[in-house]
Amino acid sequence: MLENGTIIDGKYKILNKIGQGGMSVVYLAMNEKANKQWAIKEVRKDVTENFDVIRQGLITETNLLKNLSHPNLPSIVDVIDGEDTFLIVMDYIEGVPLSVRLEEGGAQPQEQVIDWALQLCDVLNYLHTREKPIIYRDMKPGNVMLRPNGDLVLIDFGIAREYKTHNTADTTWLGTQGYAAPEQFGGQGQTDQRTDIYCLGATLYHLLTNHNPSEPPYEMYPIRRWDDTLSSGLEEIILKCTQRNPKDRYQNCNELRYALEHYMEMDAEYRRKENRSFHIFMGLFAATVLSLTAALVFQHYGNRIKNNNYDTYVENAVSTSDEDEAVSLYMEAIRLEPARGEAYLRMLETFMEDDNLEETEAYTLRQILQGMSANSTYEELMKQDAEAYDEFAYQLGMAYFYSYEESGNKNNSKKWLQAAAQSQSLDAHKVQRAQRLLQIAEYYSKIGVQSKSGDESTSYKDYWDDLTALSDGDIVQMDNAVTALMMYNELVFQIATNAPKFENAGVSNQEMVGQIQNVIAHLESDIRETDLQNERVQSLMRKVVSNIKVAERELQTDFSLPETE
């Protein structure tokens, strides 16, 4: 084992041991010249059986990873191949394996697992679509790291392989029993992208049920055997992923991703409703044919009633003080006319009254948007109301970015910010803001990460420039006090949290102080007394002032702060 303080290759100082497996030890190390932390994996010949085989696997891992670049993959920056030891210097991934989440919290929430599954589909699709496709072959909770910001990182490429078009079988079989596909155990053809789909299905099974498929009886039952509240559509997806015959599985990750995004449509209850709707529709269709003339006569009158019902639902929802009742009324309006955008927007406003988009609220929105009418989802139908859809996308993107579970989820904001950034109907400043927020969300997991050449692919200086640009101008006048305070809070929070990293990237202490003084000036001049009568504005104001105080201590500067109630 390497001792703390040991200098490796003249530049990596061992700080402490952070992990140990059956054949390797992982250390946290610091490159003091670059002021950058790395993880170093050590495999020693004297403590490892079949060292030459393991060493070859590690060489395979490094050769594969050094040519890859994806936010859900680690980067390898150095390999030190000694006579008695093999060292790999790679990104230090702050976080915990999903196996630890299972140990500490048991079965994970369905919506959370689906979010993880979509991320893993993305990274596997990236691997499978390289010029020489890479088959990972060892997906399991212990090989997936969860970062504090919610992003996943796929680690341990020791048994990954390049797919060879003309091969009829793998030369070796490797994998973790229970998670590995049947073809990984030899004699059943070459492993391909469908192998990874099997392993991912087994991983999702474990995450949803907390029943480990690598432990006796080594079986995967339908997930609803363990928890009948789980989606039957999701159960169907996992059963398809884990079919013994690769031809019976999803054939690629795009197919699987689409299924995951529409799992609610596969639910048994959904199908029952659709079947009932179909029979009702057929009866109504026959009646309509017989009474077409009468229908035409009363069409205009019927439309007026329909519009009045929709408007009545919305008006009643706005006037009630009971949030659950309001949401139910908005849902009734949406079911009546899913192509009208007002009820969607009003519901989102209701959820955001406390400046916090909770997961249960986000789940409700997802459920509604995935609802079906006339073979189209409600979201697809709402797009017909282009102005309302674009405004909804902008507001939901902002809510995810700044306010999801209080701290924000940049990854979940991307879809909605992208829609807003491409809008033809939003005000120009909203489009520009969405574009800049999307850029931050895209590189959020990359800031401070170095490329293979040692250069930072996205630096804290870039992050700083975008954050400060978002806070330019009179946001209250351009938008409103709530939006302004969310942006000011994000800026001062990031200064309070990352001041040393901004400074290392070339942002001076004076620049940071100047930005905080600008925020204080905006708070005093732009936020009106009438704005402060709004509870949400008061709450955000307190957050901004609190974070300014933290930044004050970090920058060792005294600020004159506005008073808050």
Protein backbone atom coordinates (compact mmCIF):
# COMPACT_ATOMS: atom_id res chain seq x y z
CA MET A 1 0.00 0.00 0.00
CA LEU A 2 1.05 3.56 -0.62
CA GLU A 3 1.73 5.68 2.46
CA ASN A 4 0.13 9.08 2.98
CA GLY A 5 2.51 11.77 1.75
CA THR A 6 4.15 9.55 -0.87
CA ILE A 7 4.96 11.43 -4.09
CA ILE A 8 4.12 9.46 -7.23
CA ASP A 9 5.89 10.20 -10.51
CA GLY A 10 7.21 13.42 -9.01
CA LYS A 11 3.83 15.17 -8.96
CA TYR A 12 1.01 13.20 -7.29
CA LYS A 13 0.97 13.39 -3.49
CA ILE A 14 -1.03 10.64 -1.77
CA LEU A 15 -3.49 12.19 0.70
CA ASN A 16 -5.39 9.16 1.98
CA LYS A 17 -7.01 5.84 1.03
CA ILE A 18 -10.61 6.27 -0.12
CA GLY A 19 -11.54 2.76 -1.23
CA GLN A 20 -10.45 -0.84 -1.47
CA GLY A 21 -11.69 -3.77 -3.54
CA GLY A 22 -10.68 -7.36 -4.00
CA MET A 23 -7.73 -6.56 -6.23
CA SER A 24 -7.06 -2.84 -5.92
CA VAL A 25 -6.77 0.13 -3.57
CA VAL A 26 -7.93 3.63 -4.51
CA TYR A 27 -6.26 6.73 -3.08
CA LEU A 28 -7.05 10.43 -3.14
CA ALA A 29 -4.05 12.33 -4.47
CA MET A 30 -3.21 15.97 -5.11
CA ASN A 31 -1.26 17.43 -7.98
CA GLU A 32 0.00 20.40 -5.97
CA LYS A 33 1.32 22.31 -8.96
CA ALA A 34 -2.07 22.19 -10.70
CA ASN A 35 -4.01 22.40 -7.39
CA LYS A 36 -6.15 19.51 -8.60
CA GLN A 37 -7.29 16.34 -6.83
CA TRP A 38 -7.20 12.96 -8.57
CA ALA A 39 -8.02 9.37 -7.74
CA ILE A 40 -5.23 6.80 -8.14
CA LYS A 41 -6.09 3.11 -8.48
CA GLU A 42 -3.25 0.78 -7.44
CA VAL A 43 -2.98 -2.91 -8.27
CA ARG A 44 0.06 -4.69 -6.84
CA LYS A 45 1.54 -7.93 -8.15
CA ASP A 46 2.32 -9.32 -4.69
CA VAL A 47 -1.31 -9.19 -3.48
CA THR A 48 -3.15 -10.11 -6.70
CA GLU A 49 -3.54 -13.54 -8.25
CA ASN A 50 -3.29 -13.69 -12.05
CA PHE A 51 -1.63 -10.27 -12.05
CA ASP A 52 -0.83 -10.48 -15.77
CA VAL A 53 -4.51 -11.11 -16.61
CA ILE A 54 -5.66 -8.26 -14.33
CA ARG A 55 -2.97 -5.98 -15.71
CA GLN A 56 -4.17 -6.66 -19.25
CA GLY A 57 -7.71 -5.81 -18.19
CA LEU A 58 -6.50 -2.52 -16.73
CA ILE A 59 -4.61 -1.72 -19.92
CA THR A 60 -7.83 -2.42 -21.83
CA GLU A 61 -9.71 -0.08 -19.48
CA THR A 62 -7.25 2.77 -19.92
CA ASN A 63 -7.02 2.35 -23.69
CA LEU A 64 -10.80 2.51 -23.98
CA LEU A 65 -11.32 5.49 -21.68
CA LYS A 66 -8.51 7.71 -22.91
CA ASN A 67 -10.32 8.29 -26.21
CA LEU A 68 -13.75 8.95 -24.69
CA SER A 69 -15.35 12.20 -23.57
CA HIS A 70 -18.78 12.16 -21.93
CA PRO A 71 -20.10 13.85 -18.77
CA ASN A 72 -21.14 10.46 -17.34
CA LEU A 73 -17.69 8.91 -17.83
CA PRO A 74 -14.45 9.47 -15.87
CA SER A 75 -11.32 10.73 -17.60
CA ILE A 76 -7.95 8.99 -17.30
CA VAL A 77 -5.01 11.37 -17.26
CA ASP A 78 -2.03 9.14 -16.51
CA VAL A 79 -0.94 5.49 -16.39
CA ILE A 80 2.13 4.40 -14.45
CA ASP A 81 3.03 0.80 -15.34
CA GLY A 82 5.73 -0.47 -12.97
CA GLU A 83 7.29 -3.88 -12.61
CA ASP A 84 5.36 -4.75 -9.44
CA THR A 85 2.47 -2.31 -9.53
CA PHE A 86 0.03 -0.72 -11.95
CA LEU A 87 -1.30 2.77 -11.22
CA ILE A 88 -4.13 4.57 -13.01
CA VAL A 89 -4.59 8.31 -12.38
CA MET A 90 -8.16 9.36 -13.10
CA ASP A 91 -10.85 11.89 -12.20
CA TYR A 92 -11.75 11.96 -8.54
CA ILE A 93 -15.49 11.38 -8.57
CA GLU A 94 -17.07 12.97 -5.51
CA GLY A 95 -20.14 11.00 -4.52
CA VAL A 96 -21.33 7.54 -3.53
CA PRO A 97 -22.01 4.33 -5.49
CA LEU A 98 -25.67 3.49 -6.00
CA SER A 99 -24.96 0.31 -4.03
CA VAL A 100 -24.44 2.51 -0.96
CA ARG A 101 -27.75 4.27 -1.61
CA LEU A 102 -29.38 0.83 -1.58
CA GLU A 103 -27.63 -0.17 1.64
CA GLU A 104 -28.60 3.05 3.39
CA GLY A 105 -32.07 3.68 1.97
CA GLY A 106 -33.38 0.40 0.57
CA ALA A 107 -35.46 0.36 -2.61
CA GLN A 108 -35.19 3.70 -4.40
CA PRO A 109 -38.15 5.89 -5.53
CA GLN A 110 -39.51 4.92 -8.93
CA GLU A 111 -39.17 8.39 -10.48
CA GLN A 112 -35.60 8.71 -9.23
CA VAL A 113 -34.66 5.34 -10.74
CA ILE A 114 -36.18 6.35 -14.08
CA ASP A 115 -34.10 9.55 -14.07
CA TRP A 116 -30.98 7.46 -13.42
CA ALA A 117 -32.01 4.97 -16.10
CA LEU A 118 -32.28 7.75 -18.70
CA GLN A 119 -28.78 8.98 -17.82
CA LEU A 120 -27.39 5.45 -18.11
CA CYS A 121 -29.15 4.98 -21.46
CA ASP A 122 -27.40 8.12 -22.70
CA VAL A 123 -23.92 7.01 -21.68
CA LEU A 124 -24.40 3.44 -22.95
CA ASN A 125 -25.71 4.79 -26.26
CA TYR A 126 -22.60 6.97 -26.47
CA LEU A 127 -20.38 3.90 -25.97
CA HIS A 128 -22.35 1.78 -28.43
CA THR A 129 -22.22 4.41 -31.19
CA ARG A 130 -18.45 4.93 -31.27
CA GLU A 131 -16.70 4.12 -34.56
CA LYS A 132 -15.60 0.95 -32.79
CA PRO A 133 -18.59 0.22 -30.51
CA ILE A 134 -17.74 -0.39 -26.85
CA ILE A 135 -19.71 -2.95 -24.84
CA TYR A 136 -19.48 -2.19 -21.12
CA ARG A 137 -20.65 -5.60 -19.77
CA ASP A 138 -20.51 -4.83 -16.03
CA MET A 139 -23.44 -2.56 -15.21
CA LYS A 140 -24.42 -2.86 -11.54
CA PRO A 141 -25.14 -0.40 -8.69
CA GLY A 142 -21.58 -0.66 -7.35
CA ASN A 143 -20.17 0.58 -10.66
CA VAL A 144 -22.35 3.70 -10.86
CA MET A 145 -21.33 6.75 -8.85
CA LEU A 146 -23.90 9.37 -7.85
CA ARG A 147 -22.52 12.91 -7.71
CA PRO A 148 -23.95 15.47 -5.25
CA ASN A 149 -25.63 17.31 -8.16
CA GLY A 150 -27.59 14.19 -9.19
CA ASP A 151 -25.45 13.22 -12.19
CA LEU A 152 -24.20 9.65 -12.54
CA VAL A 153 -20.72 8.50 -13.53
CA LEU A 154 -20.08 5.01 -14.90
CA ILE A 155 -16.84 3.59 -13.49
CA ASP A 156 -14.70 0.43 -13.77
CA PHE A 157 -14.17 -0.47 -17.42
CA GLY A 158 -12.03 -3.51 -16.61
CA ILE A 159 -14.16 -5.95 -18.64
CA ALA A 160 -15.43 -3.64 -21.36
CA ARG A 161 -14.57 -4.64 -24.92
CA GLU A 162 -14.73 -3.31 -28.45
CA TYR A 163 -17.41 -4.97 -30.54
CA LYS A 164 -15.87 -6.82 -33.49
CA THR A 165 -18.21 -7.11 -36.46
CA HIS A 166 -16.95 -10.47 -37.73
CA ASN A 167 -16.63 -12.26 -34.39
CA THR A 168 -19.12 -15.03 -33.64
CA ALA A 169 -18.26 -15.23 -29.93
CA ASP A 170 -16.28 -13.51 -27.19
CA THR A 171 -12.85 -14.87 -26.39
CA THR A 172 -13.53 -14.65 -22.64
CA TRP A 173 -16.59 -14.47 -20.42
CA LEU A 174 -16.67 -12.01 -17.60
CA GLY A 175 -19.33 -10.25 -15.59
CA THR A 176 -21.12 -10.24 -12.25
CA GLN A 177 -23.44 -13.18 -11.72
CA GLY A 178 -27.05 -12.02 -11.46
CA TYR A 179 -26.44 -8.85 -13.47
CA ALA A 180 -24.64 -10.46 -16.41
CA ALA A 181 -26.56 -11.54 -19.51
CA PRO A 182 -26.57 -15.25 -20.44
CA GLU A 183 -24.33 -14.66 -23.46
CA GLN A 184 -21.58 -13.36 -21.16
CA PHE A 185 -20.99 -16.90 -19.91
CA GLY A 186 -19.69 -18.26 -23.19
CA GLY A 187 -20.96 -20.44 -26.00
CA GLN A 188 -23.96 -18.24 -26.83
CA GLY A 189 -22.53 -15.75 -29.27
CA GLN A 190 -20.74 -12.43 -29.05
CA THR A 191 -21.78 -9.85 -26.47
CA ASP A 192 -23.23 -6.69 -28.04
CA GLN A 193 -25.27 -3.64 -27.06
CA ARG A 194 -28.19 -5.87 -26.06
CA THR A 195 -25.90 -7.37 -23.41
CA ASP A 196 -25.63 -3.95 -21.75
CA ILE A 197 -29.40 -3.57 -21.97
CA TYR A 198 -29.80 -6.83 -19.99
CA CYS A 199 -27.30 -5.63 -17.35
CA LEU A 200 -29.07 -2.27 -17.10
CA GLY A 201 -32.43 -4.02 -16.67
CA ALA A 202 -30.98 -6.12 -13.84
CA THR A 203 -29.56 -2.99 -12.22
CA LEU A 204 -32.92 -1.21 -12.38
CA TYR A 205 -34.57 -4.31 -10.88
CA HIS A 206 -32.19 -4.12 -7.89
CA LEU A 207 -32.65 -0.37 -7.44
CA LEU A 208 -36.45 -0.60 -7.50
CA THR A 209 -36.86 -3.69 -5.30
CA ASN A 210 -33.67 -3.86 -3.18
CA HIS A 211 -33.52 -7.55 -4.11
CA ASN A 212 -30.00 -8.31 -5.30
CA PRO A 213 -30.03 -10.54 -8.43
CA SER A 214 -26.44 -11.62 -7.66
CA GLU A 215 -27.54 -13.33 -4.44
CA PRO A 216 -29.49 -16.60 -4.13
CA PRO A 217 -31.86 -17.55 -5.67
CA TYR A 218 -30.30 -15.54 -8.56
CA GLU A 219 -33.74 -14.82 -10.00
CA MET A 220 -35.51 -11.68 -11.13
CA TYR A 221 -39.24 -11.74 -10.55
CA PRO A 222 -41.69 -9.13 -11.88
CA ILE A 223 -41.01 -6.03 -9.77
CA ARG A 224 -44.63 -5.71 -8.65
CA ARG A 225 -44.24 -9.00 -6.75
CA TRP A 226 -42.20 -6.97 -4.25
CA ASP A 227 -44.12 -3.68 -4.45
CA ASP A 228 -47.53 -3.56 -6.12
CA THR A 229 -47.46 0.26 -6.21
CA LEU A 230 -44.75 0.18 -8.88
CA SER A 231 -45.75 0.87 -12.47
CA SER A 232 -46.85 -2.17 -14.48
CA GLY A 233 -45.43 -0.38 -17.54
CA LEU A 234 -42.03 -0.16 -15.89
CA GLU A 235 -42.34 -3.83 -14.91
CA GLU A 236 -42.89 -4.69 -18.56
CA ILE A 237 -39.83 -2.68 -19.62
CA ILE A 238 -37.54 -4.48 -17.14
CA LEU A 239 -38.93 -7.88 -18.13
CA LYS A 240 -38.16 -7.09 -21.77
CA CYS A 241 -34.63 -5.88 -20.92
CA THR A 242 -33.84 -9.15 -19.12
CA GLN A 243 -35.08 -11.70 -21.66
CA ARG A 244 -32.65 -14.61 -22.11
CA ASN A 245 -32.70 -14.31 -25.89
CA PRO A 246 -31.11 -11.02 -27.03
CA LYS A 247 -33.59 -10.86 -29.95
CA ASP A 248 -36.43 -10.48 -27.42
CA ARG A 249 -34.86 -7.46 -25.68
CA TYR A 250 -34.78 -3.82 -26.75
CA GLN A 251 -32.34 -3.77 -29.63
CA ASN A 252 -30.61 -0.50 -28.72
CA CYS A 253 -30.59 2.16 -26.02
CA ASN A 254 -32.71 4.60 -28.03
CA GLU A 255 -35.55 2.05 -28.06
CA LEU A 256 -35.17 1.57 -24.30
CA ARG A 257 -35.00 5.30 -23.64
CA TYR A 258 -38.22 5.90 -25.57
CA ALA A 259 -39.95 3.16 -23.56
CA LEU A 260 -38.76 4.66 -20.28
CA GLU A 261 -39.98 8.13 -21.28
CA HIS A 262 -43.44 6.66 -22.03
CA TYR A 263 -43.67 3.96 -19.36
CA MET A 264 -46.98 5.30 -18.02
CA GLU A 265 -48.61 4.63 -21.37
CA MET A 266 -47.82 0.94 -20.90
CA ASP A 267 -49.53 0.66 -17.52
CA ALA A 268 -52.34 -1.87 -17.29
CA GLU A 269 -54.68 0.79 -15.90
CA TYR A 270 -53.85 3.07 -18.80
CA ARG A 271 -54.66 0.28 -21.23
CA ARG A 272 -57.96 -0.45 -19.50
CA LYS A 273 -58.93 3.21 -19.75
CA GLU A 274 -57.91 3.37 -23.39
CA ASN A 275 -59.89 0.19 -24.18
CA ARG A 276 -62.95 1.64 -22.45
CA SER A 277 -62.43 4.90 -24.31
CA PHE A 278 -62.16 3.01 -27.60
CA HIS A 279 -65.47 1.17 -27.10
CA ILE A 280 -67.17 4.37 -26.00
CA PHE A 281 -65.69 6.12 -29.01
CA MET A 282 -67.03 3.46 -31.40
CA GLY A 283 -70.51 3.80 -29.92
CA LEU A 284 -70.36 7.55 -30.14
CA PHE A 285 -69.05 7.33 -33.70
CA ALA A 286 -72.08 5.25 -34.77
CA ALA A 287 -74.43 7.65 -33.06
CA THR A 288 -72.66 10.59 -34.66
CA VAL A 289 -73.09 9.16 -38.14
CA LEU A 290 -76.83 8.87 -37.52
CA SER A 291 -77.17 12.37 -36.14
CA LEU A 292 -74.61 14.32 -38.16
CA THR A 293 -77.09 17.02 -39.13
CA ALA A 294 -78.12 17.64 -35.53
CA ALA A 295 -74.50 17.74 -34.44
CA LEU A 296 -73.69 20.44 -36.98
CA VAL A 297 -76.64 22.53 -35.84
CA PHE A 298 -75.54 22.44 -32.19
CA GLN A 299 -71.74 22.54 -32.77
CA HIS A 300 -71.35 26.22 -32.01
CA TYR A 301 -73.48 25.97 -28.88
CA GLY A 302 -71.49 22.93 -27.70
CA ASN A 303 -68.18 24.71 -28.15
CA ARG A 304 -69.41 27.60 -26.02
CA ILE A 305 -70.34 25.22 -23.19
CA LYS A 306 -66.96 23.48 -23.46
CA ASN A 307 -65.05 26.75 -23.28
CA ASN A 308 -67.15 27.93 -20.35
CA ASN A 309 -66.45 24.67 -18.48
CA TYR A 310 -62.71 25.00 -19.09
CA ASP A 311 -62.71 28.62 -17.99
CA THR A 312 -64.85 27.77 -14.96
CA TYR A 313 -62.42 25.08 -13.83
CA VAL A 314 -59.49 27.50 -14.16
CA GLU A 315 -61.34 30.36 -12.40
CA ASN A 316 -62.34 28.08 -9.51
CA ALA A 317 -58.77 26.80 -9.21
CA VAL A 318 -57.39 30.35 -9.06
CA SER A 319 -59.89 31.37 -6.37
CA THR A 320 -59.38 28.42 -4.00
CA SER A 321 -56.78 28.53 -1.22
CA ASP A 322 -56.49 24.73 -1.12
CA GLU A 323 -53.54 23.68 -3.32
CA ASP A 324 -54.76 20.09 -3.76
CA GLU A 325 -58.17 21.29 -4.85
CA ALA A 326 -56.61 23.79 -7.25
CA VAL A 327 -54.43 21.10 -8.84
CA SER A 328 -57.46 18.80 -9.25
CA LEU A 329 -59.41 21.59 -10.95
CA TYR A 330 -56.51 22.38 -13.30
CA MET A 331 -56.27 18.68 -14.17
CA GLU A 332 -59.97 18.61 -15.03
CA ALA A 333 -59.51 21.63 -17.29
CA ILE A 334 -56.51 20.00 -19.00
CA ARG A 335 -58.40 16.74 -19.57
CA LEU A 336 -61.22 18.76 -21.13
CA GLU A 337 -58.95 20.74 -23.46
CA PRO A 338 -55.36 19.45 -23.39
CA ALA A 339 -54.31 21.77 -26.23
CA ARG A 340 -54.95 24.95 -24.21
CA GLY A 341 -51.93 26.06 -22.21
CA GLU A 342 -53.40 28.27 -19.48
CA ALA A 343 -54.16 25.48 -16.97
CA TYR A 344 -50.64 24.03 -17.27
CA LEU A 345 -49.12 27.44 -16.58
CA ARG A 346 -51.45 28.15 -13.67
CA MET A 347 -50.69 24.78 -12.10
CA LEU A 348 -46.94 25.42 -12.32
CA GLU A 349 -47.47 28.85 -10.72
CA THR A 350 -49.36 27.12 -7.88
CA PHE A 351 -46.49 24.68 -7.31
CA MET A 352 -43.97 27.53 -7.29
CA GLU A 353 -45.76 29.74 -4.75
CA ASP A 354 -43.34 28.51 -2.05
CA ASP A 355 -40.29 28.95 -4.33
CA ASN A 356 -39.68 25.19 -4.32
CA LEU A 357 -40.55 22.62 -6.98
CA GLU A 358 -40.89 19.44 -4.97
CA GLU A 359 -40.34 16.03 -6.55
CA THR A 360 -43.99 15.12 -5.94
CA GLU A 361 -45.03 18.26 -7.84
CA ALA A 362 -42.59 17.56 -10.68
CA TYR A 363 -43.94 13.99 -10.82
CA THR A 364 -47.51 15.30 -11.09
CA LEU A 365 -46.50 17.52 -14.02
CA ARG A 366 -44.76 14.62 -15.76
CA GLN A 367 -47.80 12.41 -15.30
CA ILE A 368 -50.09 15.05 -16.81
CA LEU A 369 -47.79 15.80 -19.76
CA GLN A 370 -47.57 12.07 -20.54
CA GLY A 371 -51.38 11.72 -20.55
CA MET A 372 -52.89 10.64 -23.85
CA SER A 373 -55.71 11.95 -26.01
CA ALA A 374 -56.37 10.95 -29.62
CA ASN A 375 -53.02 9.09 -29.83
CA SER A 376 -51.06 12.19 -28.81
CA THR A 377 -49.61 13.09 -25.43
CA TYR A 378 -50.95 16.14 -23.66
CA GLU A 379 -47.53 17.74 -24.10
CA GLU A 380 -47.70 17.26 -27.87
CA LEU A 381 -51.19 18.74 -27.92
CA MET A 382 -50.16 21.73 -25.79
CA LYS A 383 -47.51 22.57 -28.41
CA GLN A 384 -50.40 23.65 -30.64
CA ASP A 385 -50.73 26.62 -28.26
CA ALA A 386 -47.20 27.75 -29.13
CA GLU A 387 -47.02 30.87 -26.97
CA ALA A 388 -48.32 29.08 -23.87
CA TYR A 389 -46.08 26.06 -24.45
CA ASP A 390 -42.96 28.20 -24.84
CA GLU A 391 -43.80 30.18 -21.68
CA PHE A 392 -44.45 26.92 -19.80
CA ALA A 393 -41.13 25.50 -21.02
CA TYR A 394 -39.32 28.65 -19.91
CA GLN A 395 -40.94 28.71 -16.46
CA LEU A 396 -40.45 24.97 -15.86
CA GLY A 397 -36.83 25.17 -17.04
CA MET A 398 -36.25 28.01 -14.57
CA ALA A 399 -38.00 26.06 -11.80
CA TYR A 400 -35.83 22.98 -12.35
CA PHE A 401 -32.66 25.05 -12.70
CA TYR A 402 -33.10 27.16 -9.56
CA SER A 403 -35.77 25.65 -7.34
CA TYR A 404 -36.10 21.87 -7.75
CA GLU A 405 -36.04 20.46 -4.19
CA GLU A 406 -34.75 23.93 -3.14
CA SER A 407 -31.23 23.48 -4.59
CA GLY A 408 -32.09 23.00 -8.28
CA ASN A 409 -31.43 20.22 -10.79
CA LYS A 410 -29.54 21.48 -13.82
CA ASN A 411 -29.81 18.16 -15.65
CA ASN A 412 -33.63 18.10 -15.49
CA SER A 413 -33.81 21.72 -16.69
CA LYS A 414 -32.13 21.00 -20.03
CA LYS A 415 -35.14 19.77 -22.03
CA TRP A 416 -37.29 22.75 -21.09
CA LEU A 417 -34.59 25.38 -21.45
CA GLN A 418 -33.80 24.01 -24.90
CA ALA A 419 -37.44 24.42 -25.94
CA ALA A 420 -37.45 27.99 -24.59
CA ALA A 421 -34.11 28.77 -26.23
CA GLN A 422 -35.59 27.87 -29.63
CA SER A 423 -38.82 29.81 -29.11
CA GLN A 424 -40.17 32.16 -31.75
CA SER A 425 -42.76 33.69 -29.40
CA LEU A 426 -40.94 34.48 -26.13
CA ASP A 427 -39.49 37.93 -25.46
CA ALA A 428 -35.91 38.21 -26.69
CA HIS A 429 -34.47 38.55 -23.17
CA LYS A 430 -36.16 35.29 -22.09
CA VAL A 431 -34.79 33.45 -25.12
CA GLN A 432 -31.29 34.77 -24.43
CA ARG A 433 -31.60 33.87 -20.75
CA ALA A 434 -32.76 30.35 -21.60
CA GLN A 435 -29.83 29.94 -23.99
CA ARG A 436 -27.34 31.02 -21.33
CA LEU A 437 -28.92 28.86 -18.61
CA LEU A 438 -28.90 25.91 -21.01
CA GLN A 439 -25.20 26.48 -21.62
CA ILE A 440 -24.54 26.45 -17.86
CA ALA A 441 -26.67 23.32 -17.44
CA GLU A 442 -24.80 21.58 -20.27
CA TYR A 443 -21.36 22.11 -18.78
CA TYR A 444 -22.37 22.10 -15.12
CA SER A 445 -20.90 18.65 -14.53
CA LYS A 446 -17.73 19.54 -16.45
CA ILE A 447 -16.56 22.72 -14.72
CA GLY A 448 -13.07 22.28 -13.37
CA VAL A 449 -12.61 18.91 -15.15
CA GLN A 450 -9.43 18.65 -17.18
CA SER A 451 -9.17 17.12 -20.61
CA LYS A 452 -6.54 14.51 -21.52
CA SER A 453 -4.16 17.31 -22.56
CA GLY A 454 -4.46 18.95 -19.13
CA ASP A 455 -6.60 21.85 -20.33
CA GLU A 456 -9.93 22.50 -18.69
CA SER A 457 -12.78 21.71 -21.08
CA THR A 458 -14.97 24.22 -19.25
CA SER A 459 -13.51 26.47 -16.60
CA TYR A 460 -14.86 28.32 -13.61
CA LYS A 461 -14.03 31.50 -15.55
CA ASP A 462 -16.56 30.51 -18.23
CA TYR A 463 -19.05 29.70 -15.48
CA TRP A 464 -18.41 33.10 -13.88
CA ASP A 465 -18.89 34.97 -17.15
CA ASP A 466 -22.27 33.32 -17.73
CA LEU A 467 -23.46 33.83 -14.15
CA THR A 468 -22.62 37.52 -14.16
CA ALA A 469 -24.12 38.05 -17.62
CA LEU A 470 -27.41 36.60 -16.33
CA SER A 471 -27.51 39.27 -13.63
CA ASP A 472 -26.94 42.24 -15.97
CA GLY A 473 -29.58 44.92 -16.34
CA ASP A 474 -32.83 45.61 -14.54
CA ILE A 475 -34.28 42.09 -14.39
CA VAL A 476 -37.28 43.28 -12.38
CA GLN A 477 -38.30 45.58 -15.21
CA MET A 478 -37.56 43.00 -17.91
CA ASP A 479 -39.26 40.16 -16.05
CA ASN A 480 -40.34 40.35 -12.39
CA ALA A 481 -38.99 40.47 -8.83
CA VAL A 482 -39.13 36.68 -8.35
CA THR A 483 -36.99 35.96 -11.42
CA ALA A 484 -34.54 38.71 -10.46
CA LEU A 485 -34.11 37.39 -6.93
CA MET A 486 -33.60 33.80 -8.13
CA MET A 487 -30.76 34.97 -10.38
CA TYR A 488 -29.19 37.21 -7.76
CA ASN A 489 -29.37 34.37 -5.25
CA GLU A 490 -27.68 31.95 -7.63
CA LEU A 491 -24.83 34.40 -8.22
CA VAL A 492 -24.13 35.19 -4.56
CA PHE A 493 -24.59 31.52 -3.56
CA GLN A 494 -21.97 30.45 -6.12
CA ILE A 495 -19.59 33.16 -4.88
CA ALA A 496 -20.13 31.98 -1.30
CA THR A 497 -19.53 28.36 -2.33
CA ASN A 498 -16.87 28.60 -5.03
CA ALA A 499 -14.92 31.83 -4.40
CA PRO A 500 -11.51 30.04 -4.22
CA LYS A 501 -12.22 28.18 -7.47
CA PHE A 502 -13.31 31.37 -9.23
CA GLU A 503 -10.14 33.08 -7.97
CA ASN A 504 -7.93 30.20 -9.19
CA ALA A 505 -9.59 30.58 -12.61
CA GLY A 506 -8.60 34.25 -12.80
CA VAL A 507 -11.58 36.04 -11.27
CA SER A 508 -10.26 38.62 -8.83
CA ASN A 509 -11.57 39.15 -5.32
CA GLN A 510 -12.41 42.70 -6.40
CA GLU A 511 -14.58 41.43 -9.28
CA MET A 512 -16.54 39.18 -6.92
CA VAL A 513 -16.99 42.01 -4.42
CA GLY A 514 -18.13 44.27 -7.26
CA GLN A 515 -20.78 41.78 -8.38
CA ILE A 516 -22.15 41.45 -4.85
CA GLN A 517 -22.30 45.24 -4.54
CA ASN A 518 -24.22 45.34 -7.83
CA VAL A 519 -26.70 42.81 -6.44
CA ILE A 520 -27.15 44.89 -3.28
CA ALA A 521 -27.73 47.99 -5.40
CA HIS A 522 -30.39 46.16 -7.42
CA LEU A 523 -32.07 44.94 -4.24
CA GLU A 524 -32.31 48.49 -2.94
CA SER A 525 -33.34 50.20 -6.18
CA ASP A 526 -35.36 47.62 -8.14
CA ILE A 527 -37.33 45.69 -5.51
CA ARG A 528 -40.36 47.82 -4.67
CA GLU A 529 -42.38 47.91 -1.46
CA THR A 530 -45.30 46.40 -3.33
CA ASP A 531 -43.07 43.48 -4.40
CA LEU A 532 -42.13 42.83 -0.77
CA GLN A 533 -45.77 42.28 0.10
CA ASN A 534 -45.48 38.98 -1.79
CA GLU A 535 -44.45 36.11 0.51
CA ARG A 536 -42.37 34.44 -2.20
CA VAL A 537 -40.43 37.65 -2.80
CA GLN A 538 -39.83 38.00 0.95
CA SER A 539 -38.54 34.42 1.15
CA LEU A 540 -36.18 34.90 -1.80
CA MET A 541 -34.98 38.23 -0.41
CA ARG A 542 -34.02 36.52 2.85
CA LYS A 543 -32.10 33.84 0.92
CA VAL A 544 -30.15 36.42 -1.07
CA VAL A 545 -29.22 38.42 2.04
CA SER A 546 -28.24 35.23 3.89
CA ASN A 547 -25.95 34.12 1.06
CA ILE A 548 -24.42 37.59 0.82
CA LYS A 549 -23.46 37.27 4.49
CA VAL A 550 -21.78 33.92 3.78
CA ALA A 551 -19.96 35.42 0.79
CA GLU A 552 -18.96 38.35 2.99
CA ARG A 553 -17.15 35.98 5.35
CA GLU A 554 -15.58 34.12 2.43
CA LEU A 555 -14.31 37.31 0.79
CA GLN A 556 -13.53 38.99 4.14
CA THR A 557 -15.37 42.14 3.10
CA ASP A 558 -18.08 44.11 4.90
CA PHE A 559 -21.28 44.83 3.00
CA SER A 560 -24.10 47.16 3.86
CA LEU A 561 -27.12 44.89 3.46
CA PRO A 562 -30.76 45.86 2.88
CA GLU A 563 -33.15 45.07 5.69
CA THR A 564 -35.43 42.03 5.39
CA GLU A 565 -38.62 41.25 7.22
